[in-house]
Amino acid sequence: MDRRPLYNGVLYKHSDLTEQIIGAFYDVYSKLGYGFLEDIYGKAMVIELKKRGLVPDTEKPIEVYYESHLIGKYYADIIVNDLVILELKSVKTLVVEHEAQLLNYLKATPYEVGLLLNFGPKPETKRRSFDNSRKEWLAAKNNL
């Protein structure tokens, strides 16, 4: 039986990739457990993602746009295969502000899928998406 997540009979965007990333997350969590800083988990995730044949990027600047104007840059924790933003946390539990942070990254960038991964006392994952067709700044930029 196929266990891939379904939405109205259609696979989620990049679902095969996000499943591989979540598998890497649980492997790292099972080996390191809870209590390290996010940077330690990030380095372990890069190793685990590469072992799985994925391409993690930790140095890539992300440009943030408002309408069609570049307003700043930030560095995502990890971007996998230039498709999925990973936001890593090491907190007691995820809160709505963490999800809002990831959703804002998706709204302000050309990336459409993000994973929020918490290496807290209990491992937590949240998947968020924001389709590029809903990003007015991107449409304006592409029409220039």
N, C-alpha and C. Protein backbone atom coordinates (compact mmCIF):
# COMPACT_ATOMS: atom_id res chain seq x y z
N MET A 1 0.85 -1.19 0.00
CA MET A 1 0.00 0.00 0.00
C MET A 1 0.88 1.24 0.00
N ASP A 2 0.57 2.21 -0.84
CA ASP A 2 1.31 3.46 -0.95
C ASP A 2 0.95 4.35 0.24
N ARG A 3 1.95 4.77 1.02
CA ARG A 3 1.71 5.57 2.22
C ARG A 3 1.98 7.05 1.99
N ARG A 4 2.14 7.49 0.76
CA ARG A 4 2.41 8.90 0.49
C ARG A 4 1.21 9.74 0.86
N PRO A 5 1.47 10.97 1.39
CA PRO A 5 0.34 11.83 1.76
C PRO A 5 -0.45 12.25 0.53
N LEU A 6 -1.76 12.29 0.69
CA LEU A 6 -2.62 12.67 -0.41
C LEU A 6 -3.40 13.92 -0.04
N TYR A 7 -3.67 14.73 -1.02
CA TYR A 7 -4.52 15.90 -0.86
C TYR A 7 -5.46 15.92 -2.05
N ASN A 8 -6.72 15.68 -1.81
CA ASN A 8 -7.72 15.61 -2.89
C ASN A 8 -7.28 14.66 -3.99
N GLY A 9 -6.65 13.56 -3.64
CA GLY A 9 -6.24 12.57 -4.62
C GLY A 9 -4.96 12.91 -5.35
N VAL A 10 -4.33 14.03 -5.02
CA VAL A 10 -3.10 14.47 -5.68
C VAL A 10 -1.97 14.49 -4.66
N LEU A 11 -0.81 14.01 -5.07
CA LEU A 11 0.34 14.05 -4.17
C LEU A 11 0.73 15.50 -3.87
N TYR A 12 1.20 15.72 -2.64
CA TYR A 12 1.73 17.04 -2.30
C TYR A 12 2.91 17.37 -3.19
N LYS A 13 3.11 18.64 -3.44
CA LYS A 13 4.28 19.08 -4.20
C LYS A 13 5.55 18.66 -3.47
N HIS A 14 6.46 18.04 -4.17
CA HIS A 14 7.75 17.57 -3.64
C HIS A 14 7.59 16.55 -2.50
N SER A 15 6.51 15.78 -2.50
CA SER A 15 6.27 14.85 -1.40
C SER A 15 7.34 13.77 -1.29
N ASP A 16 7.86 13.28 -2.41
CA ASP A 16 8.93 12.27 -2.32
C ASP A 16 10.16 12.85 -1.63
N LEU A 17 10.50 14.08 -1.99
CA LEU A 17 11.66 14.74 -1.39
C LEU A 17 11.43 15.02 0.09
N THR A 18 10.25 15.53 0.45
CA THR A 18 10.01 15.84 1.86
C THR A 18 9.98 14.57 2.71
N GLU A 19 9.52 13.47 2.15
CA GLU A 19 9.55 12.20 2.89
C GLU A 19 10.99 11.78 3.18
N GLN A 20 11.88 11.95 2.20
CA GLN A 20 13.29 11.61 2.41
C GLN A 20 13.91 12.51 3.48
N ILE A 21 13.57 13.79 3.44
CA ILE A 21 14.11 14.74 4.42
C ILE A 21 13.61 14.38 5.82
N ILE A 22 12.33 14.07 5.95
CA ILE A 22 11.78 13.71 7.27
C ILE A 22 12.43 12.42 7.77
N GLY A 23 12.69 11.47 6.88
CA GLY A 23 13.41 10.26 7.28
C GLY A 23 14.79 10.59 7.81
N ALA A 24 15.50 11.50 7.14
CA ALA A 24 16.82 11.93 7.61
C ALA A 24 16.69 12.60 8.98
N PHE A 25 15.68 13.42 9.16
CA PHE A 25 15.44 14.09 10.45
C PHE A 25 15.29 13.07 11.58
N TYR A 26 14.47 12.04 11.36
CA TYR A 26 14.27 11.04 12.41
C TYR A 26 15.53 10.23 12.67
N ASP A 27 16.33 9.98 11.65
CA ASP A 27 17.60 9.28 11.87
C ASP A 27 18.54 10.12 12.72
N VAL A 28 18.64 11.41 12.40
CA VAL A 28 19.49 12.30 13.20
C VAL A 28 18.97 12.38 14.62
N TYR A 29 17.67 12.53 14.78
CA TYR A 29 17.09 12.62 16.11
C TYR A 29 17.36 11.35 16.93
N SER A 30 17.22 10.21 16.28
CA SER A 30 17.41 8.95 17.03
C SER A 30 18.87 8.77 17.46
N LYS A 31 19.80 9.34 16.71
CA LYS A 31 21.22 9.20 17.05
C LYS A 31 21.69 10.27 18.04
N LEU A 32 21.19 11.49 17.92
CA LEU A 32 21.66 12.58 18.79
C LEU A 32 20.73 12.88 19.96
N GLY A 33 19.45 12.57 19.81
CA GLY A 33 18.51 12.88 20.88
C GLY A 33 18.28 14.37 21.03
N TYR A 34 17.83 14.74 22.21
CA TYR A 34 17.44 16.12 22.50
C TYR A 34 18.52 16.80 23.32
N GLY A 35 18.70 18.11 23.13
CA GLY A 35 19.55 18.88 24.02
C GLY A 35 20.68 19.66 23.37
N PHE A 36 20.92 19.47 22.08
CA PHE A 36 21.97 20.23 21.40
C PHE A 36 21.39 21.52 20.83
N LEU A 37 22.28 22.42 20.44
CA LEU A 37 21.87 23.63 19.75
C LEU A 37 21.51 23.30 18.30
N GLU A 38 20.75 24.18 17.69
CA GLU A 38 20.29 23.97 16.31
C GLU A 38 21.46 23.76 15.34
N ASP A 39 22.57 24.45 15.58
CA ASP A 39 23.73 24.35 14.69
C ASP A 39 24.25 22.91 14.62
N ILE A 40 24.27 22.21 15.73
CA ILE A 40 24.74 20.81 15.77
C ILE A 40 23.80 19.94 14.94
N TYR A 41 22.50 20.12 15.13
CA TYR A 41 21.53 19.34 14.35
C TYR A 41 21.63 19.67 12.86
N GLY A 42 21.87 20.94 12.55
CA GLY A 42 22.02 21.33 11.16
C GLY A 42 23.18 20.64 10.48
N LYS A 43 24.30 20.57 11.16
CA LYS A 43 25.48 19.90 10.59
C LYS A 43 25.22 18.40 10.41
N ALA A 44 24.54 17.80 11.38
CA ALA A 44 24.21 16.38 11.27
C ALA A 44 23.21 16.15 10.13
N MET A 45 22.26 17.06 9.97
CA MET A 45 21.28 16.93 8.88
C MET A 45 21.97 16.99 7.52
N VAL A 46 22.93 17.87 7.37
CA VAL A 46 23.66 17.98 6.10
C VAL A 46 24.33 16.65 5.78
N ILE A 47 24.98 16.04 6.76
CA ILE A 47 25.64 14.75 6.56
C ILE A 47 24.61 13.69 6.15
N GLU A 48 23.51 13.64 6.88
CA GLU A 48 22.48 12.62 6.61
C GLU A 48 21.82 12.83 5.25
N LEU A 49 21.55 14.07 4.89
CA LEU A 49 20.94 14.36 3.59
C LEU A 49 21.88 13.96 2.46
N LYS A 50 23.15 14.25 2.60
CA LYS A 50 24.12 13.87 1.57
C LYS A 50 24.22 12.36 1.44
N LYS A 51 24.16 11.65 2.56
CA LYS A 51 24.18 10.18 2.53
C LYS A 51 23.03 9.64 1.69
N ARG A 52 21.93 10.37 1.65
CA ARG A 52 20.74 9.95 0.91
C ARG A 52 20.74 10.45 -0.54
N GLY A 53 21.85 11.04 -0.94
CA GLY A 53 21.97 11.52 -2.32
C GLY A 53 21.29 12.85 -2.58
N LEU A 54 20.92 13.55 -1.54
CA LEU A 54 20.28 14.86 -1.68
C LEU A 54 21.34 15.96 -1.67
N VAL A 55 20.95 17.15 -2.07
CA VAL A 55 21.89 18.27 -2.16
C VAL A 55 21.45 19.36 -1.17
N PRO A 56 22.03 19.36 0.03
CA PRO A 56 21.71 20.40 1.01
C PRO A 56 22.62 21.61 0.81
N ASP A 57 22.07 22.79 0.97
CA ASP A 57 22.83 24.03 0.84
C ASP A 57 22.59 24.87 2.08
N THR A 58 23.67 25.20 2.77
CA THR A 58 23.55 26.00 3.99
C THR A 58 24.09 27.41 3.82
N GLU A 59 24.68 27.68 2.70
CA GLU A 59 25.31 28.98 2.49
C GLU A 59 24.54 29.86 1.52
N LYS A 60 23.42 29.42 1.05
CA LYS A 60 22.71 30.14 0.00
C LYS A 60 21.92 31.32 0.56
N PRO A 61 22.24 32.52 0.09
CA PRO A 61 21.43 33.67 0.54
C PRO A 61 20.05 33.62 -0.13
N ILE A 62 19.05 33.96 0.62
CA ILE A 62 17.68 33.99 0.13
C ILE A 62 17.28 35.45 0.04
N GLU A 63 16.90 35.87 -1.16
CA GLU A 63 16.45 37.24 -1.34
C GLU A 63 14.97 37.35 -0.99
N VAL A 64 14.63 38.40 -0.26
CA VAL A 64 13.26 38.62 0.16
C VAL A 64 12.74 39.85 -0.58
N TYR A 65 11.56 39.68 -1.19
CA TYR A 65 10.96 40.74 -1.97
C TYR A 65 9.69 41.25 -1.32
N TYR A 66 9.45 42.52 -1.50
CA TYR A 66 8.17 43.14 -1.17
C TYR A 66 7.67 43.73 -2.47
N GLU A 67 6.52 43.27 -2.92
CA GLU A 67 6.02 43.57 -4.25
C GLU A 67 7.12 43.15 -5.22
N SER A 68 7.66 44.03 -6.02
CA SER A 68 8.75 43.59 -6.92
C SER A 68 10.10 44.13 -6.47
N HIS A 69 10.19 44.56 -5.22
CA HIS A 69 11.41 45.19 -4.71
C HIS A 69 12.17 44.25 -3.77
N LEU A 70 13.46 44.13 -4.02
CA LEU A 70 14.33 43.39 -3.10
C LEU A 70 14.48 44.22 -1.83
N ILE A 71 14.11 43.64 -0.69
CA ILE A 71 14.18 44.39 0.56
C ILE A 71 15.17 43.81 1.55
N GLY A 72 15.75 42.65 1.24
CA GLY A 72 16.73 42.09 2.16
C GLY A 72 17.10 40.67 1.80
N LYS A 73 18.02 40.15 2.60
CA LYS A 73 18.47 38.77 2.43
C LYS A 73 18.53 38.10 3.79
N TYR A 74 18.36 36.80 3.77
CA TYR A 74 18.57 36.00 4.96
C TYR A 74 19.13 34.66 4.50
N TYR A 75 19.60 33.89 5.42
CA TYR A 75 20.13 32.57 5.11
C TYR A 75 19.25 31.53 5.78
N ALA A 76 18.62 30.70 4.95
CA ALA A 76 17.80 29.62 5.49
C ALA A 76 18.72 28.62 6.20
N ASP A 77 18.18 27.89 7.15
CA ASP A 77 18.99 26.87 7.82
C ASP A 77 19.56 25.92 6.78
N ILE A 78 18.69 25.32 5.98
CA ILE A 78 19.13 24.41 4.91
C ILE A 78 18.10 24.50 3.78
N ILE A 79 18.59 24.48 2.56
CA ILE A 79 17.72 24.34 1.39
C ILE A 79 18.13 23.04 0.72
N VAL A 80 17.16 22.18 0.45
CA VAL A 80 17.45 20.86 -0.11
C VAL A 80 17.04 20.82 -1.58
N ASN A 81 18.00 20.42 -2.42
CA ASN A 81 17.79 20.26 -3.87
C ASN A 81 17.21 21.53 -4.51
N ASP A 82 17.49 22.67 -3.91
CA ASP A 82 17.01 23.97 -4.38
C ASP A 82 15.48 23.97 -4.53
N LEU A 83 14.80 23.20 -3.66
CA LEU A 83 13.34 23.08 -3.73
C LEU A 83 12.64 23.27 -2.39
N VAL A 84 13.27 22.81 -1.30
CA VAL A 84 12.59 22.78 -0.01
C VAL A 84 13.42 23.52 1.04
N ILE A 85 12.79 24.48 1.71
CA ILE A 85 13.43 25.20 2.81
C ILE A 85 13.25 24.39 4.09
N LEU A 86 14.34 24.21 4.84
CA LEU A 86 14.26 23.58 6.16
C LEU A 86 14.52 24.65 7.21
N GLU A 87 13.64 24.73 8.17
CA GLU A 87 13.82 25.60 9.32
C GLU A 87 13.96 24.68 10.53
N LEU A 88 15.14 24.70 11.16
CA LEU A 88 15.43 23.81 12.27
C LEU A 88 15.22 24.53 13.59
N LYS A 89 14.64 23.81 14.53
CA LYS A 89 14.43 24.33 15.88
C LYS A 89 14.89 23.28 16.88
N SER A 90 15.25 23.76 18.06
CA SER A 90 15.56 22.88 19.18
C SER A 90 14.91 23.50 20.42
N VAL A 91 13.60 23.38 20.45
CA VAL A 91 12.80 24.01 21.50
C VAL A 91 11.88 22.97 22.14
N LYS A 92 11.30 23.35 23.28
CA LYS A 92 10.42 22.42 24.00
C LYS A 92 9.29 21.93 23.11
N THR A 93 8.65 22.87 22.42
CA THR A 93 7.58 22.53 21.49
C THR A 93 7.45 23.64 20.45
N LEU A 94 6.99 23.27 19.28
CA LEU A 94 6.77 24.27 18.24
C LEU A 94 5.55 25.12 18.61
N VAL A 95 5.63 26.39 18.27
CA VAL A 95 4.52 27.30 18.52
C VAL A 95 4.14 27.96 17.20
N VAL A 96 3.02 28.66 17.22
CA VAL A 96 2.49 29.26 16.00
C VAL A 96 3.48 30.24 15.37
N GLU A 97 4.30 30.91 16.17
CA GLU A 97 5.29 31.85 15.63
C GLU A 97 6.32 31.15 14.75
N HIS A 98 6.69 29.92 15.09
CA HIS A 98 7.64 29.17 14.27
C HIS A 98 7.02 28.86 12.90
N GLU A 99 5.76 28.47 12.91
CA GLU A 99 5.08 28.19 11.65
C GLU A 99 4.92 29.45 10.82
N ALA A 100 4.62 30.57 11.47
CA ALA A 100 4.49 31.84 10.76
C ALA A 100 5.81 32.25 10.13
N GLN A 101 6.91 32.02 10.83
CA GLN A 101 8.23 32.33 10.29
C GLN A 101 8.46 31.56 8.99
N LEU A 102 8.22 30.28 9.00
CA LEU A 102 8.42 29.46 7.81
C LEU A 102 7.47 29.89 6.68
N LEU A 103 6.23 30.13 7.01
CA LEU A 103 5.27 30.55 6.00
C LEU A 103 5.69 31.89 5.38
N ASN A 104 6.19 32.80 6.19
CA ASN A 104 6.67 34.08 5.65
C ASN A 104 7.86 33.89 4.73
N TYR A 105 8.77 32.97 5.07
CA TYR A 105 9.89 32.67 4.18
C TYR A 105 9.37 32.19 2.83
N LEU A 106 8.36 31.34 2.86
CA LEU A 106 7.79 30.82 1.62
C LEU A 106 7.10 31.93 0.82
N LYS A 107 6.37 32.80 1.50
CA LYS A 107 5.68 33.88 0.82
C LYS A 107 6.65 34.85 0.16
N ALA A 108 7.81 35.05 0.77
CA ALA A 108 8.74 36.07 0.31
C ALA A 108 9.82 35.55 -0.63
N THR A 109 9.80 34.26 -0.93
CA THR A 109 10.84 33.67 -1.78
C THR A 109 10.17 32.85 -2.88
N PRO A 110 10.96 32.42 -3.86
CA PRO A 110 10.39 31.57 -4.92
C PRO A 110 10.16 30.12 -4.49
N TYR A 111 10.53 29.76 -3.25
CA TYR A 111 10.34 28.39 -2.78
C TYR A 111 8.88 28.20 -2.39
N GLU A 112 8.36 27.01 -2.68
CA GLU A 112 6.95 26.75 -2.42
C GLU A 112 6.71 25.77 -1.27
N VAL A 113 7.74 25.05 -0.85
CA VAL A 113 7.57 24.03 0.19
C VAL A 113 8.62 24.23 1.27
N GLY A 114 8.19 24.09 2.52
CA GLY A 114 9.11 24.20 3.64
C GLY A 114 8.78 23.18 4.71
N LEU A 115 9.80 22.78 5.43
CA LEU A 115 9.63 21.88 6.57
C LEU A 115 10.18 22.54 7.83
N LEU A 116 9.40 22.48 8.87
CA LEU A 116 9.80 22.94 10.18
C LEU A 116 10.12 21.69 10.98
N LEU A 117 11.38 21.56 11.41
CA LEU A 117 11.84 20.34 12.09
C LEU A 117 12.32 20.71 13.48
N ASN A 118 11.69 20.15 14.50
CA ASN A 118 12.05 20.46 15.88
C ASN A 118 12.73 19.28 16.55
N PHE A 119 13.96 19.52 16.99
CA PHE A 119 14.74 18.52 17.73
C PHE A 119 14.52 18.73 19.22
N GLY A 120 13.28 18.86 19.63
CA GLY A 120 12.93 19.08 21.03
C GLY A 120 12.82 17.77 21.79
N PRO A 121 12.25 17.81 23.02
CA PRO A 121 12.09 16.59 23.81
C PRO A 121 11.35 15.48 23.05
N LYS A 122 10.40 15.89 22.22
CA LYS A 122 9.72 14.97 21.31
C LYS A 122 9.93 15.53 19.90
N PRO A 123 10.36 14.70 18.96
CA PRO A 123 10.58 15.23 17.60
C PRO A 123 9.25 15.68 16.98
N GLU A 124 9.30 16.82 16.29
CA GLU A 124 8.11 17.36 15.64
C GLU A 124 8.46 17.80 14.23
N THR A 125 7.52 17.58 13.32
CA THR A 125 7.68 18.07 11.95
C THR A 125 6.39 18.76 11.52
N LYS A 126 6.55 19.84 10.79
CA LYS A 126 5.41 20.54 10.19
C LYS A 126 5.79 20.83 8.75
N ARG A 127 4.86 20.61 7.84
CA ARG A 127 5.08 20.89 6.43
C ARG A 127 4.19 22.05 6.04
N ARG A 128 4.77 23.04 5.38
CA ARG A 128 4.00 24.18 4.92
C ARG A 128 4.29 24.41 3.45
N SER A 129 3.32 24.95 2.73
CA SER A 129 3.53 25.27 1.33
C SER A 129 2.80 26.57 1.01
N PHE A 130 3.31 27.25 -0.01
CA PHE A 130 2.70 28.47 -0.49
C PHE A 130 3.00 28.56 -1.97
N ASP A 131 1.98 28.36 -2.78
CA ASP A 131 2.15 28.26 -4.23
C ASP A 131 2.61 29.58 -4.84
N ASN A 132 3.53 29.49 -5.78
CA ASN A 132 4.06 30.69 -6.43
C ASN A 132 2.98 31.50 -7.15
N SER A 133 1.91 30.85 -7.58
CA SER A 133 0.85 31.58 -8.27
C SER A 133 0.17 32.58 -7.35
N ARG A 134 0.35 32.44 -6.04
CA ARG A 134 -0.26 33.36 -5.07
C ARG A 134 0.68 34.49 -4.67
N LYS A 135 1.88 34.54 -5.23
CA LYS A 135 2.88 35.53 -4.85
C LYS A 135 2.87 36.68 -5.85
N GLU A 136 2.21 37.76 -5.45
CA GLU A 136 2.08 38.92 -6.35
C GLU A 136 3.43 39.49 -6.73
N TRP A 137 4.38 39.54 -5.77
CA TRP A 137 5.69 40.11 -6.06
C TRP A 137 6.40 39.31 -7.14
N LEU A 138 6.22 37.99 -7.15
CA LEU A 138 6.90 37.15 -8.14
C LEU A 138 6.29 37.37 -9.53
N ALA A 139 4.98 37.48 -9.58
CA ALA A 139 4.33 37.76 -10.87
C ALA A 139 4.78 39.11 -11.40
N ALA A 140 4.87 40.12 -10.51
CA ALA A 140 5.32 41.45 -10.94
C ALA A 140 6.76 41.41 -11.42
N LYS A 141 7.60 40.68 -10.72
CA LYS A 141 9.02 40.56 -11.11
C LYS A 141 9.14 39.87 -12.46
N ASN A 142 8.37 38.82 -12.67
CA ASN A 142 8.44 38.07 -13.94
C ASN A 142 7.88 38.86 -15.13
N ASN A 143 7.01 39.83 -14.86
CA ASN A 143 6.44 40.64 -15.93
C ASN A 143 7.30 41.84 -16.29
N LEU A 144 8.35 42.09 -15.55
CA LEU A 144 9.24 43.24 -15.87
C LEU A 144 10.03 43.00 -17.11
